[in-house]
N, C-alpha and C. Protein backbone atom coordinates (compact mmCIF):
# COMPACT_ATOMS: atom_id res chain seq x y z
N MET A 1 -8.56 19.36 9.15
CA MET A 1 -7.23 18.91 8.88
C MET A 1 -7.16 18.71 7.32
N PRO A 2 -6.13 19.28 6.46
CA PRO A 2 -6.34 18.85 5.14
C PRO A 2 -5.62 17.22 5.09
N PRO A 3 -6.30 16.62 3.77
CA PRO A 3 -6.23 15.35 3.77
C PRO A 3 -4.65 15.20 3.38
N ILE A 4 -4.31 13.88 3.60
CA ILE A 4 -2.56 13.74 3.39
C ILE A 4 -2.61 12.97 1.81
N LEU A 5 -3.76 12.70 1.16
CA LEU A 5 -3.74 12.26 -0.12
C LEU A 5 -4.87 12.95 -0.88
N THR A 6 -4.62 13.76 -1.80
CA THR A 6 -5.43 14.24 -2.87
C THR A 6 -5.47 13.73 -4.25
N VAL A 7 -6.48 13.04 -4.84
CA VAL A 7 -6.45 12.73 -6.07
C VAL A 7 -7.61 13.48 -6.92
N SER A 8 -6.95 14.30 -7.88
CA SER A 8 -7.91 15.49 -8.56
C SER A 8 -7.92 15.24 -10.19
N GLN A 9 -9.30 15.00 -10.49
CA GLN A 9 -9.56 14.61 -11.97
C GLN A 9 -8.69 13.83 -12.90
N LEU A 10 -8.15 12.72 -12.21
CA LEU A 10 -7.32 11.70 -12.68
C LEU A 10 -7.72 10.59 -13.73
N SER A 11 -6.98 10.79 -14.75
CA SER A 11 -7.49 9.94 -15.99
C SER A 11 -6.29 8.85 -16.43
N LYS A 12 -6.51 7.82 -16.87
CA LYS A 12 -5.46 7.21 -17.27
C LYS A 12 -5.84 6.40 -18.64
N THR A 13 -5.22 6.78 -19.78
CA THR A 13 -5.60 5.99 -21.00
C THR A 13 -4.21 5.20 -21.73
N TYR A 14 -4.13 4.17 -21.72
CA TYR A 14 -3.17 3.69 -22.42
C TYR A 14 -2.83 3.81 -24.05
N ALA A 15 -1.84 3.62 -24.46
CA ALA A 15 -1.47 3.77 -25.65
C ALA A 15 -2.34 2.84 -26.47
N SER A 16 -2.69 1.68 -26.45
CA SER A 16 -3.62 0.72 -27.10
C SER A 16 -5.35 1.73 -27.19
N GLY A 17 -5.42 2.92 -26.32
CA GLY A 17 -6.77 3.26 -26.25
C GLY A 17 -7.54 2.81 -25.14
N PHE A 18 -6.98 1.87 -24.36
CA PHE A 18 -7.78 1.49 -23.00
C PHE A 18 -7.68 2.48 -22.28
N CYS A 19 -8.81 3.06 -21.81
CA CYS A 19 -9.05 3.66 -20.50
C CYS A 19 -9.20 3.47 -19.07
N ALA A 20 -8.23 3.22 -18.59
CA ALA A 20 -8.45 2.43 -17.28
C ALA A 20 -8.84 3.18 -16.42
N LEU A 21 -8.55 4.45 -16.14
CA LEU A 21 -9.18 5.42 -14.91
C LEU A 21 -9.95 6.62 -15.68
N LYS A 22 -11.24 6.77 -15.21
CA LYS A 22 -11.89 8.07 -15.84
C LYS A 22 -12.00 8.99 -14.73
N ASN A 23 -11.57 10.16 -14.76
CA ASN A 23 -11.77 11.44 -13.93
C ASN A 23 -12.12 10.82 -12.48
N ILE A 24 -11.16 10.42 -11.71
CA ILE A 24 -10.96 9.88 -10.43
C ILE A 24 -10.95 11.12 -9.67
N ASN A 25 -11.86 11.41 -8.36
CA ASN A 25 -11.78 12.48 -7.44
C ASN A 25 -11.79 11.56 -5.87
N LEU A 26 -10.42 12.24 -5.32
CA LEU A 26 -10.44 11.10 -3.94
C LEU A 26 -9.59 11.72 -2.79
N GLU A 27 -10.38 12.11 -1.84
CA GLU A 27 -9.38 12.60 -0.73
C GLU A 27 -9.38 11.65 0.25
N ILE A 28 -8.19 11.19 1.01
CA ILE A 28 -7.75 10.67 2.12
C ILE A 28 -7.25 11.27 3.27
N ALA A 29 -7.97 11.27 4.31
CA ALA A 29 -7.59 11.72 5.75
C ALA A 29 -6.45 11.02 6.46
N LYS A 30 -5.48 11.84 6.75
CA LYS A 30 -4.42 11.24 7.54
C LYS A 30 -5.21 10.38 8.53
N GLY A 31 -4.51 9.13 9.05
CA GLY A 31 -5.02 7.96 9.99
C GLY A 31 -6.08 7.20 9.57
N GLU A 32 -6.49 7.29 8.27
CA GLU A 32 -7.62 6.79 8.14
C GLU A 32 -7.55 5.41 7.21
N ILE A 33 -8.34 4.44 7.54
CA ILE A 33 -8.23 2.92 6.62
C ILE A 33 -9.37 3.28 5.80
N PHE A 34 -8.83 3.16 4.15
CA PHE A 34 -9.57 3.36 3.26
C PHE A 34 -9.43 2.08 2.33
N ALA A 35 -10.74 1.64 2.25
CA ALA A 35 -10.79 0.27 1.52
C ALA A 35 -11.11 0.50 -0.22
N LEU A 36 -10.83 0.32 -0.98
CA LEU A 36 -11.02 0.34 -2.65
C LEU A 36 -11.39 -0.97 -2.80
N LEU A 37 -12.84 -1.47 -3.06
CA LEU A 37 -13.47 -2.52 -3.36
C LEU A 37 -13.63 -2.46 -5.05
N GLY A 38 -13.31 -3.42 -5.58
CA GLY A 38 -13.65 -3.83 -6.84
C GLY A 38 -13.52 -4.95 -7.60
N PRO A 39 -13.94 -5.29 -8.47
CA PRO A 39 -13.33 -6.77 -9.45
C PRO A 39 -12.04 -6.52 -10.21
N ASN A 40 -11.50 -7.59 -10.47
CA ASN A 40 -10.21 -7.40 -10.96
C ASN A 40 -10.40 -6.72 -12.59
N GLY A 41 -9.47 -5.94 -12.71
CA GLY A 41 -9.53 -5.06 -14.03
C GLY A 41 -10.28 -3.67 -13.81
N ALA A 42 -10.74 -3.67 -12.39
CA ALA A 42 -11.41 -2.21 -12.60
C ALA A 42 -10.66 -0.98 -12.25
N GLY A 43 -9.25 -1.39 -12.12
CA GLY A 43 -8.60 0.33 -12.32
C GLY A 43 -8.10 0.16 -10.68
N LYS A 44 -8.05 -0.48 -9.83
CA LYS A 44 -7.75 -0.46 -8.59
C LYS A 44 -5.85 -0.41 -8.46
N THR A 45 -5.15 -1.46 -9.27
CA THR A 45 -3.70 -1.31 -9.43
C THR A 45 -3.30 -0.20 -9.90
N THR A 46 -3.80 0.23 -11.24
CA THR A 46 -3.57 1.39 -12.04
C THR A 46 -3.39 2.81 -11.08
N LEU A 47 -4.73 2.74 -10.10
CA LEU A 47 -4.68 4.14 -9.60
C LEU A 47 -3.61 4.11 -8.31
N ILE A 48 -3.22 2.78 -7.89
CA ILE A 48 -2.24 2.78 -6.96
C ILE A 48 -0.66 3.07 -7.58
N SER A 49 -1.03 2.53 -8.62
CA SER A 49 0.76 2.71 -9.34
C SER A 49 1.15 4.03 -9.89
N ILE A 50 -0.28 5.01 -10.37
CA ILE A 50 -0.07 6.44 -10.33
C ILE A 50 0.38 7.04 -9.32
N VAL A 51 -0.50 6.61 -8.11
CA VAL A 51 -0.15 7.50 -6.85
C VAL A 51 1.45 7.35 -6.61
N CYS A 52 2.04 6.08 -6.61
CA CYS A 52 3.49 5.61 -6.13
C CYS A 52 4.46 5.99 -7.38
N GLY A 53 4.00 6.40 -8.33
CA GLY A 53 5.01 6.97 -9.41
C GLY A 53 5.58 5.91 -9.98
N ILE A 54 4.83 4.79 -10.31
CA ILE A 54 5.17 3.66 -11.06
C ILE A 54 4.80 3.86 -12.37
N VAL A 55 3.42 4.42 -12.66
CA VAL A 55 2.61 4.76 -13.89
C VAL A 55 2.40 6.54 -13.98
N ASN A 56 2.36 7.25 -15.18
CA ASN A 56 2.24 8.04 -15.23
C ASN A 56 0.63 8.11 -15.79
N ALA A 57 -0.02 9.21 -14.99
CA ALA A 57 -1.30 9.50 -15.34
C ALA A 57 -1.62 10.52 -16.87
N THR A 58 -2.54 10.37 -17.36
CA THR A 58 -2.59 10.81 -18.57
C THR A 58 -3.09 12.46 -18.35
N THR A 59 -4.21 12.55 -17.25
CA THR A 59 -4.32 13.98 -17.07
C THR A 59 -4.66 13.87 -15.22
N GLY A 60 -4.70 15.05 -14.77
CA GLY A 60 -5.00 15.17 -13.32
C GLY A 60 -3.97 15.23 -12.52
N GLU A 61 -4.13 15.23 -11.30
CA GLU A 61 -2.86 15.54 -10.41
C GLU A 61 -3.36 14.67 -9.15
N VAL A 62 -2.11 14.72 -8.52
CA VAL A 62 -2.01 13.65 -7.06
C VAL A 62 -1.06 14.30 -6.54
N THR A 63 -1.60 14.81 -4.91
CA THR A 63 -0.58 15.50 -3.74
C THR A 63 -0.89 14.41 -3.01
N VAL A 64 0.50 14.27 -1.97
CA VAL A 64 0.87 13.53 -0.87
C VAL A 64 1.27 14.28 0.32
N ALA A 65 0.72 15.05 1.35
CA ALA A 65 0.78 15.78 2.15
C ALA A 65 1.21 16.90 1.49
N GLY A 66 0.77 17.42 0.72
CA GLY A 66 1.11 18.65 -0.17
C GLY A 66 1.93 18.51 -0.77
N HIS A 67 2.72 17.47 -1.17
CA HIS A 67 3.87 17.23 -2.30
C HIS A 67 2.96 16.69 -3.59
N ASP A 68 3.06 17.48 -4.77
CA ASP A 68 2.65 16.79 -5.85
C ASP A 68 3.47 15.66 -6.42
N ILE A 69 3.27 14.62 -6.89
CA ILE A 69 3.71 13.70 -7.16
C ILE A 69 4.80 13.66 -8.42
N ARG A 70 4.28 14.33 -9.51
CA ARG A 70 5.22 14.75 -10.31
C ARG A 70 6.18 15.61 -9.88
N ARG A 71 5.82 16.91 -9.80
CA ARG A 71 6.87 17.91 -9.64
C ARG A 71 7.82 17.83 -8.16
N ASP A 72 7.06 16.86 -7.29
CA ASP A 72 8.12 16.79 -6.13
C ASP A 72 8.09 15.58 -5.80
N TYR A 73 8.59 14.48 -6.73
CA TYR A 73 8.41 12.91 -6.61
C TYR A 73 9.02 12.54 -5.59
N ARG A 74 10.36 12.84 -5.17
CA ARG A 74 11.12 12.26 -4.37
C ARG A 74 10.32 12.39 -2.70
N ALA A 75 10.12 13.77 -2.60
CA ALA A 75 9.10 13.89 -1.13
C ALA A 75 8.02 13.14 -1.17
N ALA A 76 7.22 13.28 -1.94
CA ALA A 76 5.95 12.38 -2.13
C ALA A 76 6.17 11.03 -2.32
N ARG A 77 7.18 10.57 -2.83
CA ARG A 77 7.36 8.99 -2.69
C ARG A 77 7.87 8.42 -1.13
N SER A 78 8.59 9.32 -0.83
CA SER A 78 9.31 8.93 0.61
C SER A 78 8.15 8.71 1.65
N LEU A 79 7.00 9.30 1.40
CA LEU A 79 6.08 9.36 2.18
C LEU A 79 5.04 8.25 2.14
N ILE A 80 5.77 7.16 1.29
CA ILE A 80 4.37 6.13 0.92
C ILE A 80 5.30 4.92 1.17
N GLY A 81 4.36 3.94 1.54
CA GLY A 81 5.06 2.45 1.25
C GLY A 81 4.35 1.64 0.62
N LEU A 82 4.74 0.53 -0.05
CA LEU A 82 3.65 -0.21 -1.48
C LEU A 82 4.19 -1.65 -1.11
N VAL A 83 2.99 -2.37 -0.60
CA VAL A 83 2.92 -3.74 -0.69
C VAL A 83 2.51 -4.34 -1.78
N PRO A 84 3.20 -4.72 -2.56
CA PRO A 84 2.29 -5.11 -4.20
C PRO A 84 1.61 -6.52 -3.96
N GLN A 85 1.07 -6.65 -4.74
CA GLN A 85 0.33 -7.92 -4.81
C GLN A 85 1.21 -9.11 -5.16
N GLU A 86 2.13 -9.08 -5.88
CA GLU A 86 3.12 -10.32 -6.28
C GLU A 86 4.01 -10.66 -5.48
N LEU A 87 4.49 -11.73 -5.13
CA LEU A 87 5.58 -11.86 -4.00
C LEU A 87 6.80 -12.00 -4.77
N THR A 88 7.47 -10.51 -4.89
CA THR A 88 8.60 -10.53 -5.31
C THR A 88 9.71 -10.02 -4.81
N THR A 89 10.61 -11.21 -4.27
CA THR A 89 12.09 -10.76 -3.49
C THR A 89 12.99 -11.50 -3.93
N ASP A 90 14.16 -11.04 -3.51
CA ASP A 90 15.35 -11.79 -3.76
C ASP A 90 15.59 -12.79 -2.98
N ALA A 91 15.52 -14.06 -3.43
CA ALA A 91 15.08 -15.24 -2.84
C ALA A 91 16.72 -15.94 -1.66
N PHE A 92 17.77 -15.05 -2.26
CA PHE A 92 18.77 -15.65 -1.83
C PHE A 92 19.22 -14.58 -0.67
N GLU A 93 18.63 -13.57 -0.56
CA GLU A 93 18.92 -12.44 0.60
C GLU A 93 18.49 -12.66 1.97
N THR A 94 19.03 -12.44 2.83
CA THR A 94 18.15 -12.51 4.51
C THR A 94 17.22 -11.44 4.47
N VAL A 95 16.19 -11.94 5.47
CA VAL A 95 15.19 -10.85 5.85
C VAL A 95 15.79 -9.58 6.45
N TRP A 96 16.75 -9.68 6.95
CA TRP A 96 17.39 -8.29 7.67
C TRP A 96 18.02 -7.46 6.70
N ASN A 97 18.38 -8.34 5.75
CA ASN A 97 19.22 -7.36 4.57
C ASN A 97 18.31 -6.70 3.81
N ALA A 98 17.10 -7.63 3.27
CA ALA A 98 16.41 -7.08 2.19
C ALA A 98 15.53 -5.90 3.10
N VAL A 99 14.98 -5.86 4.45
CA VAL A 99 14.56 -5.09 4.90
C VAL A 99 15.47 -3.64 4.89
N THR A 100 16.74 -3.90 5.51
CA THR A 100 17.48 -2.87 5.65
C THR A 100 17.97 -2.02 3.98
N PHE A 101 18.04 -2.92 3.02
CA PHE A 101 18.02 -2.42 1.71
C PHE A 101 17.05 -1.52 1.50
N SER A 102 15.77 -1.85 1.81
CA SER A 102 14.90 -1.01 1.22
C SER A 102 14.71 0.36 1.78
N ARG A 103 14.86 0.34 3.16
CA ARG A 103 15.24 1.59 3.66
C ARG A 103 16.13 2.54 3.17
N GLY A 104 17.37 2.01 2.91
CA GLY A 104 18.36 2.84 2.12
C GLY A 104 18.02 3.19 0.79
N LEU A 105 17.12 2.56 -0.09
CA LEU A 105 16.78 3.32 -1.05
C LEU A 105 15.80 4.60 -1.30
N PHE A 106 15.35 4.85 -0.09
CA PHE A 106 14.91 5.84 0.23
C PHE A 106 15.79 7.06 0.78
N GLY A 107 17.11 6.71 0.80
CA GLY A 107 18.02 7.85 1.35
C GLY A 107 18.03 7.88 2.88
N LYS A 108 17.25 6.92 3.53
CA LYS A 108 17.01 7.07 5.09
C LYS A 108 18.41 6.54 5.70
N ALA A 109 18.83 7.16 6.78
CA ALA A 109 20.20 6.81 7.59
C ALA A 109 19.68 5.23 8.20
N PRO A 110 20.53 4.56 8.31
CA PRO A 110 20.29 3.01 8.98
C PRO A 110 20.02 3.28 10.04
N ASN A 111 18.80 2.42 10.72
CA ASN A 111 18.33 2.45 12.14
C ASN A 111 18.02 1.23 12.26
N GLN A 112 18.91 0.48 12.99
CA GLN A 112 18.47 -0.76 13.27
C GLN A 112 17.46 -1.22 14.36
N ALA A 113 17.29 -0.09 15.24
CA ALA A 113 16.07 -0.38 16.25
C ALA A 113 14.39 -0.41 15.29
N HIS A 114 14.57 0.58 14.42
CA HIS A 114 13.16 0.67 13.52
C HIS A 114 13.13 -0.85 13.05
N ILE A 115 14.00 -1.34 12.36
CA ILE A 115 13.82 -2.56 11.70
C ILE A 115 13.72 -3.65 12.56
N GLU A 116 14.20 -3.65 13.80
CA GLU A 116 14.09 -4.54 14.85
C GLU A 116 12.69 -4.45 14.83
N GLN A 117 11.95 -3.52 15.34
CA GLN A 117 10.45 -3.20 15.93
C GLN A 117 9.49 -3.64 14.71
N VAL A 118 10.00 -3.09 13.56
CA VAL A 118 9.20 -3.74 12.41
C VAL A 118 9.07 -5.45 12.25
N LEU A 119 10.01 -5.85 12.25
CA LEU A 119 10.21 -7.33 12.09
C LEU A 119 9.61 -7.99 13.41
N ARG A 120 9.91 -7.24 14.65
CA ARG A 120 8.86 -8.16 15.51
C ARG A 120 7.58 -7.82 15.58
N ALA A 121 6.87 -6.75 15.09
CA ALA A 121 5.72 -6.22 14.83
C ALA A 121 4.97 -7.23 13.99
N LEU A 122 5.77 -7.69 12.95
CA LEU A 122 5.28 -8.71 11.95
C LEU A 122 5.58 -10.15 12.18
N SER A 123 5.93 -10.66 13.47
CA SER A 123 6.59 -12.06 14.00
C SER A 123 7.41 -12.52 12.99
N LEU A 124 8.52 -11.72 12.34
CA LEU A 124 9.81 -12.04 11.55
C LEU A 124 11.01 -11.99 12.27
N TRP A 125 10.90 -11.56 13.57
CA TRP A 125 11.96 -11.14 14.17
C TRP A 125 13.14 -12.75 14.50
N ASP A 126 12.30 -13.95 14.64
CA ASP A 126 12.99 -14.66 14.78
C ASP A 126 13.60 -15.71 13.48
N LYS A 127 13.15 -15.03 12.50
CA LYS A 127 13.54 -15.46 10.79
C LYS A 127 14.40 -14.60 10.35
N LYS A 128 15.00 -13.37 11.01
CA LYS A 128 15.87 -12.44 10.66
C LYS A 128 16.91 -12.82 9.81
N ASP A 129 17.72 -13.82 10.12
CA ASP A 129 18.91 -14.27 9.14
C ASP A 129 18.48 -15.47 8.40
N ASN A 130 17.12 -15.57 8.09
CA ASN A 130 16.96 -16.69 7.14
C ASN A 130 16.98 -16.26 5.86
N LYS A 131 17.20 -17.10 4.89
CA LYS A 131 17.12 -16.62 3.49
C LYS A 131 15.69 -16.32 3.32
N ILE A 132 15.27 -15.64 2.22
CA ILE A 132 13.93 -15.55 1.94
C ILE A 132 13.19 -16.63 1.18
N MET A 133 14.21 -17.54 0.43
CA MET A 133 13.68 -18.48 -0.14
C MET A 133 13.04 -19.67 0.71
N THR A 134 13.38 -19.72 2.03
CA THR A 134 13.28 -20.51 3.15
C THR A 134 11.71 -20.13 3.71
N LEU A 135 11.09 -19.07 3.55
CA LEU A 135 9.93 -18.57 4.06
C LEU A 135 8.90 -18.96 3.56
N SER A 136 7.61 -19.56 3.91
CA SER A 136 6.48 -19.67 3.64
C SER A 136 5.72 -18.46 3.19
N GLY A 137 4.85 -18.76 2.23
CA GLY A 137 4.29 -17.69 1.61
C GLY A 137 3.40 -16.68 2.35
N GLY A 138 2.93 -16.99 3.64
CA GLY A 138 2.77 -16.05 4.54
C GLY A 138 3.60 -15.26 5.14
N MET A 139 4.68 -15.97 5.43
CA MET A 139 5.77 -14.69 5.77
C MET A 139 6.58 -13.94 4.55
N LYS A 140 6.34 -14.36 3.66
CA LYS A 140 6.91 -13.67 2.22
C LYS A 140 6.12 -12.15 2.48
N ARG A 141 4.68 -12.35 2.46
CA ARG A 141 3.79 -11.54 2.51
C ARG A 141 4.08 -10.48 3.47
N ARG A 142 4.33 -11.05 4.86
CA ARG A 142 4.73 -10.29 5.88
C ARG A 142 6.17 -9.63 5.51
N LEU A 143 6.92 -10.01 4.74
CA LEU A 143 8.19 -9.29 4.55
C LEU A 143 8.04 -8.26 3.84
N LEU A 144 6.96 -8.37 2.84
CA LEU A 144 7.12 -7.48 1.76
C LEU A 144 6.43 -6.30 2.55
N ILE A 145 5.29 -6.32 3.77
CA ILE A 145 5.15 -5.40 4.51
C ILE A 145 5.98 -4.67 5.06
N ALA A 146 7.06 -5.49 6.02
CA ALA A 146 8.20 -5.18 6.65
C ALA A 146 9.09 -4.04 5.82
N LYS A 147 9.47 -4.16 4.37
CA LYS A 147 10.33 -3.43 3.55
C LYS A 147 9.28 -2.63 3.09
N ALA A 148 8.04 -2.43 2.93
CA ALA A 148 7.29 -1.33 2.91
C ALA A 148 7.33 -0.28 4.14
N LEU A 149 7.22 -0.90 5.22
CA LEU A 149 7.48 -0.26 6.47
C LEU A 149 8.85 0.60 6.89
N SER A 150 9.74 -0.06 6.06
CA SER A 150 11.14 0.12 6.08
C SER A 150 11.73 1.61 6.74
N HIS A 151 11.12 2.47 5.89
CA HIS A 151 11.40 3.90 5.59
C HIS A 151 10.62 5.23 6.39
N GLU A 152 9.69 4.20 7.22
CA GLU A 152 8.54 4.55 8.20
C GLU A 152 7.81 5.80 7.50
N PRO A 153 6.98 5.29 6.35
CA PRO A 153 5.86 6.06 5.74
C PRO A 153 4.90 6.55 6.56
N GLN A 154 4.02 7.65 5.81
CA GLN A 154 3.17 8.03 6.48
C GLN A 154 1.71 7.29 5.82
N ILE A 155 1.93 6.61 4.83
CA ILE A 155 0.83 6.11 3.96
C ILE A 155 1.31 4.93 3.34
N LEU A 156 0.38 3.88 3.69
CA LEU A 156 0.75 2.49 3.44
C LEU A 156 -0.44 2.01 2.73
N PHE A 157 0.09 1.86 1.37
CA PHE A 157 -0.66 1.12 0.12
C PHE A 157 -0.70 -0.61 0.21
N LEU A 158 -1.76 -1.31 0.36
CA LEU A 158 -1.75 -2.98 0.41
C LEU A 158 -2.79 -2.93 -0.78
N ASP A 159 -2.02 -3.47 -1.86
CA ASP A 159 -2.72 -4.23 -2.96
C ASP A 159 -2.97 -5.63 -3.13
N GLU A 160 -4.22 -5.83 -2.58
CA GLU A 160 -5.00 -6.94 -2.31
C GLU A 160 -4.02 -8.05 -1.64
N PRO A 161 -4.23 -7.42 -0.39
CA PRO A 161 -3.25 -7.95 0.95
C PRO A 161 -3.46 -9.47 1.17
N THR A 162 -4.82 -9.67 0.81
CA THR A 162 -5.06 -11.18 1.37
C THR A 162 -5.25 -12.11 0.23
N ALA A 163 -5.14 -11.84 -0.67
CA ALA A 163 -5.58 -12.75 -1.96
C ALA A 163 -4.59 -13.97 -2.03
N GLY A 164 -5.16 -15.00 -1.67
CA GLY A 164 -4.65 -16.30 -1.86
C GLY A 164 -3.82 -16.46 -0.50
N VAL A 165 -4.31 -15.94 0.85
CA VAL A 165 -3.72 -16.72 2.09
C VAL A 165 -4.96 -17.29 2.57
N ASP A 166 -4.57 -17.92 3.94
CA ASP A 166 -5.74 -18.19 4.58
C ASP A 166 -6.18 -17.64 5.55
N VAL A 167 -7.61 -18.25 5.80
CA VAL A 167 -8.36 -17.52 7.02
C VAL A 167 -7.51 -16.92 8.26
N GLU A 168 -6.73 -17.55 8.67
CA GLU A 168 -5.64 -17.31 9.71
C GLU A 168 -4.95 -16.14 9.48
N LEU A 169 -4.27 -16.18 8.68
CA LEU A 169 -3.21 -15.05 8.16
C LEU A 169 -4.02 -13.91 7.66
N ARG A 170 -5.40 -14.08 7.15
CA ARG A 170 -6.24 -12.82 6.87
C ARG A 170 -6.36 -11.93 8.41
N ARG A 171 -6.65 -12.86 9.33
CA ARG A 171 -7.18 -12.13 10.58
C ARG A 171 -5.78 -11.69 11.02
N ASP A 172 -4.68 -12.07 10.93
CA ASP A 172 -3.51 -11.56 11.50
C ASP A 172 -3.20 -10.44 10.58
N MET A 173 -3.56 -9.92 9.55
CA MET A 173 -3.06 -9.28 8.60
C MET A 173 -3.96 -8.03 9.02
N TRP A 174 -5.57 -8.39 9.33
CA TRP A 174 -6.22 -7.31 9.78
C TRP A 174 -5.88 -6.65 11.21
N GLN A 175 -5.27 -7.35 11.80
CA GLN A 175 -4.90 -7.20 13.09
C GLN A 175 -3.81 -6.18 13.03
N LEU A 176 -2.72 -6.43 12.38
CA LEU A 176 -1.73 -5.75 11.82
C LEU A 176 -2.00 -4.36 11.45
N VAL A 177 -2.73 -4.16 10.43
CA VAL A 177 -3.27 -2.89 10.12
C VAL A 177 -4.05 -2.06 11.06
N ARG A 178 -4.83 -2.68 11.94
CA ARG A 178 -5.29 -1.63 12.89
C ARG A 178 -4.16 -1.20 14.04
N SER A 179 -3.24 -2.15 14.24
CA SER A 179 -1.92 -1.70 14.96
C SER A 179 -1.10 -0.61 14.04
N LEU A 180 -1.04 -0.40 12.94
CA LEU A 180 -0.43 0.08 12.18
C LEU A 180 -1.24 1.69 12.08
N GLN A 181 -2.76 1.69 12.14
CA GLN A 181 -3.55 2.69 12.28
C GLN A 181 -3.14 3.54 13.48
N ALA A 182 -2.98 2.45 14.56
CA ALA A 182 -2.98 3.35 15.97
C ALA A 182 -1.81 3.88 16.31
N THR A 183 -0.66 3.73 15.40
CA THR A 183 0.57 4.69 15.27
C THR A 183 0.47 5.72 14.31
N GLY A 184 -0.84 6.07 13.76
CA GLY A 184 -1.00 7.06 12.77
C GLY A 184 -0.70 7.01 11.19
N VAL A 185 -0.34 5.94 11.08
CA VAL A 185 -0.32 5.44 9.86
C VAL A 185 -1.47 5.54 9.25
N THR A 186 -1.86 6.17 7.78
CA THR A 186 -3.04 5.87 6.67
C THR A 186 -2.70 4.66 6.06
N ILE A 187 -3.92 3.81 5.77
CA ILE A 187 -3.85 2.72 5.08
C ILE A 187 -4.87 2.62 4.05
N ILE A 188 -4.47 2.39 2.76
CA ILE A 188 -5.42 2.43 1.88
C ILE A 188 -5.01 1.07 1.16
N LEU A 189 -6.27 0.08 1.15
CA LEU A 189 -6.11 -1.24 0.87
C LEU A 189 -6.72 -1.64 -0.55
N THR A 190 -6.55 -2.19 -1.56
CA THR A 190 -7.32 -2.59 -2.51
C THR A 190 -7.77 -4.01 -2.27
N THR A 191 -9.03 -4.33 -2.59
CA THR A 191 -9.79 -5.82 -2.34
C THR A 191 -10.61 -6.04 -3.16
N HIS A 192 -11.24 -7.39 -3.64
CA HIS A 192 -12.54 -7.90 -4.24
C HIS A 192 -13.42 -8.46 -2.83
N TYR A 193 -12.85 -8.82 -1.91
CA TYR A 193 -13.58 -9.20 -0.80
C TYR A 193 -14.54 -8.18 0.04
N ILE A 194 -15.70 -8.26 -0.31
CA ILE A 194 -16.49 -7.06 0.60
C ILE A 194 -16.55 -7.17 2.32
N ASP A 195 -16.42 -8.56 2.59
CA ASP A 195 -16.14 -8.61 4.18
C ASP A 195 -14.98 -8.11 4.52
N GLU A 196 -13.87 -8.38 3.95
CA GLU A 196 -12.64 -7.92 4.34
C GLU A 196 -12.91 -6.12 4.26
N ALA A 197 -13.44 -5.58 3.23
CA ALA A 197 -13.39 -3.84 3.46
C ALA A 197 -14.25 -3.60 4.46
N GLU A 198 -15.22 -4.18 4.87
CA GLU A 198 -16.48 -3.96 5.83
C GLU A 198 -15.38 -4.20 7.15
N GLU A 199 -14.67 -5.19 7.09
CA GLU A 199 -14.43 -5.12 8.65
C GLU A 199 -13.24 -4.54 8.90
N MET A 200 -12.30 -3.86 7.66
CA MET A 200 -11.00 -3.16 7.91
C MET A 200 -11.31 -1.75 8.09
N ALA A 201 -12.11 -1.36 7.12
CA ALA A 201 -12.23 0.24 6.60
C ALA A 201 -12.86 1.24 7.78
N ASP A 202 -12.63 2.49 7.57
CA ASP A 202 -13.59 3.66 8.11
C ASP A 202 -14.22 4.12 6.61
N ARG A 203 -14.01 3.99 5.68
CA ARG A 203 -14.49 4.44 4.34
C ARG A 203 -14.25 3.57 3.57
N ILE A 204 -15.36 2.97 2.53
CA ILE A 204 -15.13 1.94 1.31
C ILE A 204 -15.60 2.98 0.10
N GLY A 205 -14.64 2.68 -1.04
CA GLY A 205 -14.82 3.15 -2.03
C GLY A 205 -15.04 1.94 -3.21
N VAL A 206 -16.11 2.45 -4.14
CA VAL A 206 -16.30 0.94 -4.88
C VAL A 206 -15.83 1.84 -6.57
N ILE A 207 -14.95 0.78 -7.26
CA ILE A 207 -14.44 1.56 -8.34
C ILE A 207 -14.90 0.17 -9.41
N ARG A 208 -15.44 0.59 -10.67
CA ARG A 208 -15.87 -0.14 -11.64
C ARG A 208 -15.65 0.37 -12.85
N LYS A 209 -14.92 -0.36 -14.01
CA LYS A 209 -14.46 0.11 -15.04
C LYS A 209 -13.83 1.18 -15.20
N GLY A 210 -12.72 1.61 -14.31
CA GLY A 210 -12.11 2.66 -14.23
C GLY A 210 -12.76 3.89 -13.67
N GLU A 211 -14.18 4.09 -13.07
CA GLU A 211 -14.94 4.74 -12.59
C GLU A 211 -15.10 4.56 -10.77
N ILE A 212 -14.72 5.63 -10.24
CA ILE A 212 -15.34 5.51 -8.69
C ILE A 212 -16.84 5.92 -8.61
N ILE A 213 -17.50 4.85 -8.23
CA ILE A 213 -19.00 5.09 -8.25
C ILE A 213 -19.79 5.34 -7.16
N LEU A 214 -18.67 5.23 -5.82
CA LEU A 214 -19.57 5.28 -4.54
C LEU A 214 -18.14 5.41 -3.64
N VAL A 215 -18.56 6.46 -2.60
CA VAL A 215 -17.37 6.63 -1.53
C VAL A 215 -18.48 6.84 -0.26
N GLU A 216 -18.24 6.09 0.68
CA GLU A 216 -19.14 6.22 1.71
C GLU A 216 -18.23 5.38 3.33
N ASP A 217 -18.94 6.09 4.31
CA ASP A 217 -18.49 5.73 5.42
C ASP A 217 -19.26 4.38 5.87
N LYS A 218 -18.35 3.50 6.84
CA LYS A 218 -18.91 2.17 7.00
C LYS A 218 -20.35 2.14 7.82
N THR A 219 -20.60 3.30 8.40
CA THR A 219 -21.68 3.18 9.10
C THR A 219 -23.16 2.80 8.84
């Protein structure tokens, strides 16, 4: 099977001259969990931002299920869900409306059954009418995942999904990731916790100073 995500000779140099990524080559298979491990500032978020079309690469190519992220942006981006590190949401909106709105952003027809299924899977169903400002930090993180899953993406990016959360929520998150994988979703997570990478991933890539220095199976 061809990879669902291909990154070829990708580099990013900012206007300041800082080189955030150097000649990244990576292939991700459909349905795998891939962990990108590295310290803060290694280039993890920059790489995700380029794949998701938030940042433009200086050189190189990215294809998502055969769609070029630049030439065929809408098709490529519609296949991707992104859960960012920062908990940024509209505090006065309800959980249900926030997730429904996210789906609409991708031009998908309303699908209440899918939204309900996502909220139930994330233990948010009983909070569906609550304003986001009333949720705990852990619930807000689950909401970000619900928003990312609202348009039924094939690839889910989790940027430092358990940074600053307690052990119990980390375990819940790991369980959730496995259940998503079981439905065929490809998951790419960034982390600087080596135990998390080993626990979760089928393969682990190590990034340092903008270069991927190792990619190997967990076995």
